Structures are given as C-alpha cells and as structure tokens.
Amino acid sequence: MRLGGASGVLPRPAARAGQTGPMAFLDRFRRGSRPRVSRPTGGARTGSTTVRAADKVDVLHLESWVEERRGVEGFVEPRTAVSEVTLLLVAHDGEWTRRRVPSVKWAHDFCNKQQVPSYDAAVVGIPQRMRDYNSRVKQQRRQQGLLPDEPLA
C-alpha cells in the first residue's frame, strides 16, 4: 500500500500563520521567532538571568578601595553573557576587588579621576600577582582548616 499518492511521498503539512514553510520538529519547543539576543545595560536580561546594573554602592566601594590601598591598577572587563562591564582593581600585593560599572568609558574615566592606570583586560589579561594572591589566600585557609586538603591525583 502506497501513501501520499502516486509519487510515494507524504504530503507536507500547511505552514502556520507567519511561517513560510512547514513546521520543523523542534519548532514547537521554541519561544517565538525572535533571535535570542541580550539587551544592553540597565537591568538587562541575558538568557534567563536578569543582570544587576551598577549602582552607587558599587561606586562608593571602588572609591574607598582605591583610597585604602597603594599601587592600584584598573582592568576593565567587557560585557559577557552573564555579567555587565566590570572594573577589576588590583593592588600592589595582588589583593583585588571587582564591581559592575555603567560602561567601559565610565571605568576608564573613573581610573583617570583616581589617578589609577587602566587597561582593557581582554587585551592585556589579568596580572599574575592577582593569581599569586589568590593562591596564598587559599593556602592560608587550608592551613587554618577552613578548606579541605586537595584530593590526591
């Protein structure tokens, strides 16, 4: 028994309103025909997560952090799928802090106003002294019994 007439091909289902062709298997699981694109800053939604925008508390933290430490450098980190533009401040000993900022321009202007050199983290990377600082802190916590020993390989 042959299906679909003389040619043996099944008939294609009619297109839904707004479509130009038949429905694909996964179309029923898609949420509309819009491409999934993150919106710009200001309480942006990226995927299923709402990204918190920078606020006055972040600015006050950055200002006080720069005042309390010496040898501070700023590393401006670009917007990603999970976070807005951030400013990473690293002190001379590797101690660091990271906060959201309104824009890349704002971050560089902030660093200039604070007389702190600023760099694009996507270009120059993160300083080694920051990684060394993280290793020292982790080792101290392990010695104090706050972290479990590393498993044997």
N, C-alpha and C. Protein backbone atom coordinates (compact mmCIF):
# COMPACT_ATOMS: atom_id res chain seq x y z
N MET A 1 0.84 -1.17 0.00
CA MET A 1 0.00 0.00 0.00
C MET A 1 0.88 1.23 0.00
N ARG A 2 0.61 2.12 -0.90
CA ARG A 2 1.41 3.34 -1.02
C ARG A 2 0.67 4.51 -0.39
N LEU A 3 1.46 5.35 0.32
CA LEU A 3 0.88 6.55 0.93
C LEU A 3 1.31 7.77 0.13
N GLY A 4 0.47 8.79 0.14
CA GLY A 4 0.87 10.05 -0.45
C GLY A 4 0.69 10.11 -1.94
N GLY A 5 -0.12 9.36 -2.49
CA GLY A 5 -0.38 9.47 -3.92
C GLY A 5 0.56 8.62 -4.73
N ALA A 6 0.64 8.92 -6.00
CA ALA A 6 1.40 8.11 -6.94
C ALA A 6 2.89 8.21 -6.73
N SER A 7 3.38 9.33 -6.19
CA SER A 7 4.83 9.50 -6.05
C SER A 7 5.39 8.79 -4.84
N GLY A 8 4.55 8.39 -3.88
CA GLY A 8 5.03 7.70 -2.69
C GLY A 8 5.57 8.66 -1.64
N VAL A 9 5.39 9.96 -1.80
CA VAL A 9 5.89 10.96 -0.85
C VAL A 9 4.72 11.45 -0.02
N LEU A 10 4.92 11.55 1.28
CA LEU A 10 3.87 12.05 2.16
C LEU A 10 3.63 13.53 1.89
N PRO A 11 2.40 14.00 1.97
CA PRO A 11 2.13 15.42 1.75
C PRO A 11 2.71 16.25 2.90
N ARG A 12 3.20 17.45 2.59
CA ARG A 12 3.74 18.35 3.61
C ARG A 12 2.60 19.06 4.32
N PRO A 13 2.75 19.26 5.62
CA PRO A 13 1.70 19.98 6.33
C PRO A 13 1.71 21.46 5.93
N ALA A 14 0.59 22.10 6.06
CA ALA A 14 0.50 23.52 5.70
C ALA A 14 1.27 24.35 6.71
N ALA A 15 1.81 25.48 6.24
CA ALA A 15 2.57 26.38 7.11
C ALA A 15 1.63 27.10 8.07
N ARG A 16 2.12 27.36 9.30
CA ARG A 16 1.35 28.14 10.27
C ARG A 16 1.36 29.60 9.86
N ALA A 17 0.49 30.37 10.43
CA ALA A 17 0.46 31.81 10.15
C ALA A 17 1.80 32.42 10.51
N GLY A 18 2.36 33.21 9.62
CA GLY A 18 3.65 33.86 9.87
C GLY A 18 4.83 33.02 9.46
N GLN A 19 4.62 31.81 8.98
CA GLN A 19 5.71 30.95 8.54
C GLN A 19 5.67 30.81 7.04
N THR A 20 6.82 30.55 6.48
CA THR A 20 6.89 30.40 5.03
C THR A 20 6.96 28.95 4.59
N GLY A 21 7.14 28.05 5.51
CA GLY A 21 7.26 26.64 5.15
C GLY A 21 6.68 25.76 6.23
N PRO A 22 6.87 24.47 6.10
CA PRO A 22 6.32 23.55 7.09
C PRO A 22 7.04 23.67 8.43
N MET A 23 6.39 23.23 9.47
CA MET A 23 6.95 23.30 10.82
C MET A 23 7.99 22.19 11.01
N ALA A 24 9.13 22.55 11.54
CA ALA A 24 10.17 21.57 11.83
C ALA A 24 9.85 20.91 13.18
N PHE A 25 10.54 19.82 13.44
CA PHE A 25 10.31 19.04 14.66
C PHE A 25 10.45 19.87 15.92
N LEU A 26 11.52 20.68 16.03
CA LEU A 26 11.79 21.42 17.26
C LEU A 26 11.08 22.77 17.33
N ASP A 27 10.36 23.18 16.30
CA ASP A 27 9.67 24.46 16.32
C ASP A 27 8.70 24.58 17.49
N ARG A 28 8.08 23.49 17.86
CA ARG A 28 7.10 23.57 18.94
C ARG A 28 7.74 23.88 20.28
N PHE A 29 9.05 23.71 20.41
CA PHE A 29 9.75 24.00 21.67
C PHE A 29 10.37 25.39 21.70
N ARG A 30 10.38 26.06 20.58
CA ARG A 30 10.98 27.40 20.52
C ARG A 30 10.00 28.43 21.04
N ARG A 31 10.53 29.52 21.54
CA ARG A 31 9.70 30.59 22.09
C ARG A 31 9.60 31.74 21.08
N GLY A 32 8.85 31.59 20.07
CA GLY A 32 8.69 32.67 19.10
C GLY A 32 9.78 32.64 18.06
N SER A 33 9.72 33.59 17.16
CA SER A 33 10.66 33.60 16.05
C SER A 33 11.77 34.62 16.22
N ARG A 34 11.78 35.34 17.34
CA ARG A 34 12.83 36.34 17.56
C ARG A 34 14.14 35.66 17.91
N PRO A 35 15.26 36.21 17.44
CA PRO A 35 16.55 35.68 17.88
C PRO A 35 16.78 36.04 19.35
N ARG A 36 17.44 35.17 20.08
CA ARG A 36 17.71 35.43 21.49
C ARG A 36 18.97 36.25 21.62
N VAL A 37 18.79 37.53 21.85
CA VAL A 37 19.90 38.47 21.94
C VAL A 37 19.80 39.20 23.26
N SER A 38 20.89 39.36 23.94
CA SER A 38 20.91 40.10 25.19
C SER A 38 20.69 41.57 24.90
N ARG A 39 20.01 42.22 25.82
CA ARG A 39 19.79 43.66 25.67
C ARG A 39 20.93 44.41 26.31
N PRO A 40 21.14 45.68 25.95
CA PRO A 40 22.22 46.46 26.56
C PRO A 40 21.98 46.72 28.03
N THR A 41 22.91 47.43 28.66
CA THR A 41 22.92 47.64 30.11
C THR A 41 21.65 48.30 30.61
N GLY A 42 21.53 48.32 31.93
CA GLY A 42 20.39 48.93 32.57
C GLY A 42 19.36 47.88 32.96
N GLY A 43 19.74 46.91 33.79
CA GLY A 43 18.82 45.86 34.18
C GLY A 43 18.58 44.89 33.04
N ALA A 44 19.60 44.63 32.27
CA ALA A 44 19.46 43.80 31.08
C ALA A 44 19.13 42.37 31.44
N ARG A 45 18.46 41.69 30.53
CA ARG A 45 18.20 40.26 30.68
C ARG A 45 19.12 39.54 29.72
N THR A 46 19.83 38.57 30.23
CA THR A 46 20.67 37.75 29.37
C THR A 46 20.25 36.32 29.57
N GLY A 47 19.64 35.73 28.58
CA GLY A 47 19.12 34.38 28.74
C GLY A 47 18.00 34.39 29.74
N SER A 48 18.08 33.58 30.78
CA SER A 48 17.03 33.53 31.79
C SER A 48 17.41 34.29 33.04
N THR A 49 18.54 35.00 33.01
CA THR A 49 19.04 35.69 34.19
C THR A 49 18.97 37.20 33.99
N THR A 50 18.45 37.91 34.99
CA THR A 50 18.48 39.36 34.94
C THR A 50 19.79 39.82 35.54
N VAL A 51 20.51 40.66 34.83
CA VAL A 51 21.81 41.13 35.28
C VAL A 51 21.61 42.43 36.03
N ARG A 52 22.14 42.50 37.24
CA ARG A 52 22.03 43.71 38.05
C ARG A 52 22.94 44.78 37.48
N ALA A 53 22.44 45.99 37.33
CA ALA A 53 23.25 47.09 36.83
C ALA A 53 24.08 47.68 37.96
N ALA A 54 25.11 48.45 37.61
CA ALA A 54 25.95 49.11 38.60
C ALA A 54 25.12 50.15 39.35
N ASP A 55 25.45 50.37 40.63
CA ASP A 55 24.74 51.38 41.39
C ASP A 55 25.72 52.17 42.24
N LYS A 56 25.19 53.09 43.04
CA LYS A 56 26.02 54.00 43.84
C LYS A 56 26.86 53.24 44.86
N VAL A 57 26.35 52.15 45.38
CA VAL A 57 27.11 51.35 46.36
C VAL A 57 28.39 50.81 45.72
N ASP A 58 28.30 50.37 44.48
CA ASP A 58 29.48 49.87 43.76
C ASP A 58 30.51 50.98 43.60
N VAL A 59 30.05 52.17 43.23
CA VAL A 59 30.97 53.30 43.03
C VAL A 59 31.65 53.68 44.34
N LEU A 60 30.89 53.74 45.42
CA LEU A 60 31.48 54.08 46.73
C LEU A 60 32.50 53.04 47.16
N HIS A 61 32.22 51.76 46.90
CA HIS A 61 33.17 50.71 47.25
C HIS A 61 34.48 50.89 46.47
N LEU A 62 34.37 51.14 45.17
CA LEU A 62 35.58 51.32 44.34
C LEU A 62 36.39 52.52 44.81
N GLU A 63 35.72 53.62 45.11
CA GLU A 63 36.43 54.83 45.57
C GLU A 63 37.17 54.57 46.88
N SER A 64 36.50 53.95 47.86
CA SER A 64 37.15 53.70 49.15
C SER A 64 38.27 52.67 49.00
N TRP A 65 38.08 51.69 48.11
CA TRP A 65 39.10 50.66 47.93
C TRP A 65 40.38 51.27 47.38
N VAL A 66 40.26 52.18 46.43
CA VAL A 66 41.44 52.84 45.85
C VAL A 66 42.14 53.69 46.90
N GLU A 67 41.38 54.39 47.73
CA GLU A 67 41.96 55.26 48.76
C GLU A 67 42.72 54.49 49.82
N GLU A 68 42.29 53.26 50.12
CA GLU A 68 42.86 52.48 51.22
C GLU A 68 44.06 51.64 50.81
N ARG A 69 44.38 51.57 49.53
CA ARG A 69 45.48 50.71 49.07
C ARG A 69 46.44 51.49 48.19
N ARG A 70 47.63 50.91 48.04
CA ARG A 70 48.62 51.58 47.17
C ARG A 70 48.94 50.69 45.97
N GLY A 71 49.45 51.32 44.93
CA GLY A 71 49.85 50.59 43.73
C GLY A 71 48.68 49.95 43.00
N VAL A 72 47.53 50.61 43.01
CA VAL A 72 46.33 50.04 42.40
C VAL A 72 46.34 50.26 40.89
N GLU A 73 45.93 49.22 40.15
CA GLU A 73 45.73 49.29 38.71
C GLU A 73 44.32 48.82 38.40
N GLY A 74 43.72 49.39 37.36
CA GLY A 74 42.37 49.03 36.97
C GLY A 74 42.36 48.20 35.69
N PHE A 75 41.56 47.16 35.68
CA PHE A 75 41.41 46.30 34.49
C PHE A 75 39.93 46.27 34.14
N VAL A 76 39.60 46.84 32.98
CA VAL A 76 38.22 46.94 32.55
C VAL A 76 37.86 45.66 31.79
N GLU A 77 36.87 44.94 32.32
CA GLU A 77 36.45 43.67 31.73
C GLU A 77 35.18 43.91 30.92
N PRO A 78 35.14 43.44 29.68
CA PRO A 78 33.99 43.71 28.81
C PRO A 78 32.74 42.96 29.25
N ARG A 79 31.63 43.37 28.72
CA ARG A 79 30.34 42.73 28.97
C ARG A 79 30.38 41.32 28.41
N THR A 80 29.80 40.38 29.16
CA THR A 80 29.73 38.98 28.72
C THR A 80 28.27 38.53 28.77
N ALA A 81 28.05 37.28 28.49
CA ALA A 81 26.69 36.74 28.52
C ALA A 81 26.12 36.70 29.93
N VAL A 82 26.98 36.67 30.94
CA VAL A 82 26.50 36.56 32.31
C VAL A 82 26.76 37.77 33.18
N SER A 83 27.50 38.76 32.70
CA SER A 83 27.75 39.95 33.52
C SER A 83 27.91 41.18 32.65
N GLU A 84 27.65 42.31 33.27
CA GLU A 84 27.84 43.59 32.59
C GLU A 84 29.32 43.95 32.63
N VAL A 85 29.65 45.14 32.17
CA VAL A 85 31.03 45.63 32.21
C VAL A 85 31.45 45.71 33.67
N THR A 86 32.64 45.21 33.98
CA THR A 86 33.15 45.26 35.35
C THR A 86 34.51 45.93 35.38
N LEU A 87 34.82 46.48 36.53
CA LEU A 87 36.14 47.08 36.76
C LEU A 87 36.82 46.25 37.84
N LEU A 88 37.95 45.67 37.49
CA LEU A 88 38.75 44.88 38.42
C LEU A 88 39.89 45.77 38.89
N LEU A 89 39.97 46.02 40.19
CA LEU A 89 41.06 46.79 40.76
C LEU A 89 42.01 45.84 41.47
N VAL A 90 43.31 45.95 41.17
CA VAL A 90 44.32 45.08 41.74
C VAL A 90 45.38 45.95 42.42
N ALA A 91 45.63 45.69 43.71
CA ALA A 91 46.64 46.43 44.47
C ALA A 91 48.03 45.86 44.20
N HIS A 92 49.04 46.52 44.78
CA HIS A 92 50.44 46.12 44.54
C HIS A 92 50.73 44.69 45.00
N ASP A 93 50.03 44.22 46.06
CA ASP A 93 50.29 42.88 46.60
C ASP A 93 49.40 41.80 45.97
N GLY A 94 48.52 42.19 45.05
CA GLY A 94 47.65 41.23 44.39
C GLY A 94 46.24 41.20 44.94
N GLU A 95 46.01 41.88 46.07
CA GLU A 95 44.65 41.95 46.59
C GLU A 95 43.77 42.62 45.53
N TRP A 96 42.52 42.19 45.41
CA TRP A 96 41.71 42.69 44.32
C TRP A 96 40.24 42.81 44.71
N THR A 97 39.54 43.59 43.93
CA THR A 97 38.09 43.70 44.05
C THR A 97 37.53 43.91 42.65
N ARG A 98 36.28 43.47 42.46
CA ARG A 98 35.63 43.60 41.14
C ARG A 98 34.21 44.09 41.37
N ARG A 99 33.80 45.10 40.61
CA ARG A 99 32.44 45.62 40.70
C ARG A 99 31.91 45.96 39.31
N ARG A 100 30.60 45.89 39.18
CA ARG A 100 29.95 46.30 37.93
C ARG A 100 30.07 47.81 37.79
N VAL A 101 30.19 48.26 36.55
CA VAL A 101 30.26 49.69 36.25
C VAL A 101 29.32 49.98 35.09
N PRO A 102 28.89 51.24 34.92
CA PRO A 102 27.94 51.56 33.87
C PRO A 102 28.43 51.31 32.45
N SER A 103 29.71 51.57 32.18
CA SER A 103 30.22 51.38 30.81
C SER A 103 31.75 51.32 30.84
N VAL A 104 32.31 50.93 29.70
CA VAL A 104 33.77 50.89 29.56
C VAL A 104 34.34 52.29 29.70
N LYS A 105 33.71 53.27 29.06
CA LYS A 105 34.18 54.66 29.14
C LYS A 105 34.15 55.15 30.58
N TRP A 106 33.07 54.83 31.30
CA TRP A 106 32.96 55.25 32.69
C TRP A 106 34.12 54.67 33.52
N ALA A 107 34.46 53.40 33.28
CA ALA A 107 35.52 52.74 34.05
C ALA A 107 36.86 53.43 33.81
N HIS A 108 37.17 53.72 32.55
CA HIS A 108 38.45 54.40 32.26
C HIS A 108 38.45 55.82 32.83
N ASP A 109 37.32 56.52 32.74
CA ASP A 109 37.23 57.86 33.32
C ASP A 109 37.39 57.82 34.84
N PHE A 110 36.80 56.82 35.49
CA PHE A 110 36.94 56.66 36.95
C PHE A 110 38.40 56.48 37.31
N CYS A 111 39.09 55.60 36.58
CA CYS A 111 40.51 55.35 36.87
C CYS A 111 41.34 56.61 36.65
N ASN A 112 41.05 57.34 35.59
CA ASN A 112 41.79 58.59 35.34
C ASN A 112 41.56 59.59 36.47
N LYS A 113 40.31 59.70 36.94
CA LYS A 113 39.99 60.62 38.02
C LYS A 113 40.70 60.22 39.31
N GLN A 114 40.85 58.92 39.55
CA GLN A 114 41.51 58.42 40.75
C GLN A 114 43.03 58.32 40.58
N GLN A 115 43.52 58.69 39.42
CA GLN A 115 44.95 58.60 39.07
C GLN A 115 45.45 57.16 39.18
N VAL A 116 44.65 56.26 38.62
CA VAL A 116 44.96 54.84 38.60
C VAL A 116 45.10 54.43 37.14
N PRO A 117 46.20 53.77 36.76
CA PRO A 117 46.29 53.31 35.36
C PRO A 117 45.22 52.27 35.07
N SER A 118 44.66 52.36 33.86
CA SER A 118 43.61 51.40 33.50
C SER A 118 43.96 50.71 32.19
N TYR A 119 43.55 49.46 32.11
CA TYR A 119 43.85 48.63 30.95
C TYR A 119 42.60 47.86 30.54
N ASP A 120 42.54 47.44 29.30
CA ASP A 120 41.47 46.56 28.84
C ASP A 120 41.90 45.13 29.17
N ALA A 121 41.15 44.47 30.03
CA ALA A 121 41.51 43.11 30.46
C ALA A 121 41.47 42.13 29.30
N ALA A 122 40.61 42.38 28.32
CA ALA A 122 40.54 41.48 27.16
C ALA A 122 41.81 41.54 26.33
N VAL A 123 42.55 42.64 26.43
CA VAL A 123 43.79 42.81 25.66
C VAL A 123 45.01 42.36 26.46
N VAL A 124 45.13 42.84 27.70
CA VAL A 124 46.34 42.58 28.48
C VAL A 124 46.21 41.40 29.44
N GLY A 125 44.98 40.96 29.71
CA GLY A 125 44.80 39.86 30.64
C GLY A 125 44.78 40.31 32.09
N ILE A 126 44.80 39.35 32.98
CA ILE A 126 44.76 39.60 34.42
C ILE A 126 46.19 39.45 34.96
N PRO A 127 46.62 40.35 35.87
CA PRO A 127 48.01 40.28 36.34
C PRO A 127 48.31 39.02 37.15
N GLN A 128 49.52 38.54 37.01
CA GLN A 128 49.96 37.34 37.71
C GLN A 128 49.92 37.53 39.22
N ARG A 129 50.19 38.75 39.70
CA ARG A 129 50.19 38.99 41.16
C ARG A 129 48.82 38.72 41.77
N MET A 130 47.75 38.88 40.99
CA MET A 130 46.41 38.57 41.49
C MET A 130 46.25 37.07 41.67
N ARG A 131 46.70 36.30 40.70
CA ARG A 131 46.62 34.83 40.83
C ARG A 131 47.49 34.34 41.98
N ASP A 132 48.67 34.96 42.15
CA ASP A 132 49.54 34.59 43.26
C ASP A 132 48.87 34.90 44.61
N TYR A 133 48.19 36.04 44.69
CA TYR A 133 47.49 36.42 45.90
C TYR A 133 46.39 35.40 46.21
N ASN A 134 45.62 35.00 45.19
CA ASN A 134 44.57 34.01 45.39
C ASN A 134 45.14 32.69 45.89
N SER A 135 46.29 32.29 45.36
CA SER A 135 46.94 31.05 45.80
C SER A 135 47.38 31.15 47.25
N ARG A 136 47.96 32.30 47.63
CA ARG A 136 48.38 32.50 49.02
C ARG A 136 47.20 32.43 49.98
N VAL A 137 46.12 33.10 49.64
CA VAL A 137 44.94 33.11 50.50
C VAL A 137 44.35 31.70 50.62
N LYS A 138 44.31 30.98 49.52
CA LYS A 138 43.78 29.61 49.55
C LYS A 138 44.65 28.70 50.42
N GLN A 139 45.97 28.85 50.31
CA GLN A 139 46.88 28.05 51.12
C GLN A 139 46.73 28.38 52.60
N GLN A 140 46.57 29.66 52.94
CA GLN A 140 46.38 30.05 54.34
C GLN A 140 45.10 29.45 54.91
N ARG A 141 44.02 29.49 54.12
CA ARG A 141 42.75 28.92 54.57
C ARG A 141 42.85 27.42 54.76
N ARG A 142 43.59 26.78 53.88
CA ARG A 142 43.77 25.33 54.00
C ARG A 142 44.54 25.00 55.28
N GLN A 143 45.57 25.80 55.58
CA GLN A 143 46.37 25.56 56.79
C GLN A 143 45.55 25.82 58.06
N GLN A 144 44.60 26.74 57.98
CA GLN A 144 43.74 27.04 59.13
C GLN A 144 42.60 26.04 59.26
N GLY A 145 42.50 25.12 58.31
CA GLY A 145 41.46 24.11 58.36
C GLY A 145 40.13 24.59 57.81
N LEU A 146 40.12 25.74 57.14
CA LEU A 146 38.88 26.27 56.58
C LEU A 146 38.54 25.63 55.24
N LEU A 147 39.54 25.05 54.57
CA LEU A 147 39.33 24.37 53.28
C LEU A 147 39.85 22.95 53.40
N PRO A 148 39.20 22.00 52.77
CA PRO A 148 39.71 20.62 52.80
C PRO A 148 40.99 20.51 51.97
N ASP A 149 41.80 19.51 52.33
CA ASP A 149 43.02 19.26 51.56
C ASP A 149 42.64 18.85 50.16
N GLU A 150 43.53 19.15 49.21
CA GLU A 150 43.28 18.76 47.84
C GLU A 150 43.34 17.24 47.70
N PRO A 151 42.44 16.66 46.89
CA PRO A 151 42.48 15.21 46.71
C PRO A 151 43.75 14.79 45.96
N LEU A 152 44.21 13.57 46.26
CA LEU A 152 45.38 13.04 45.57
C LEU A 152 45.00 12.63 44.16
N ALA A 153 45.90 12.91 43.24
CA ALA A 153 45.60 12.60 41.83
C ALA A 153 45.99 11.19 41.51
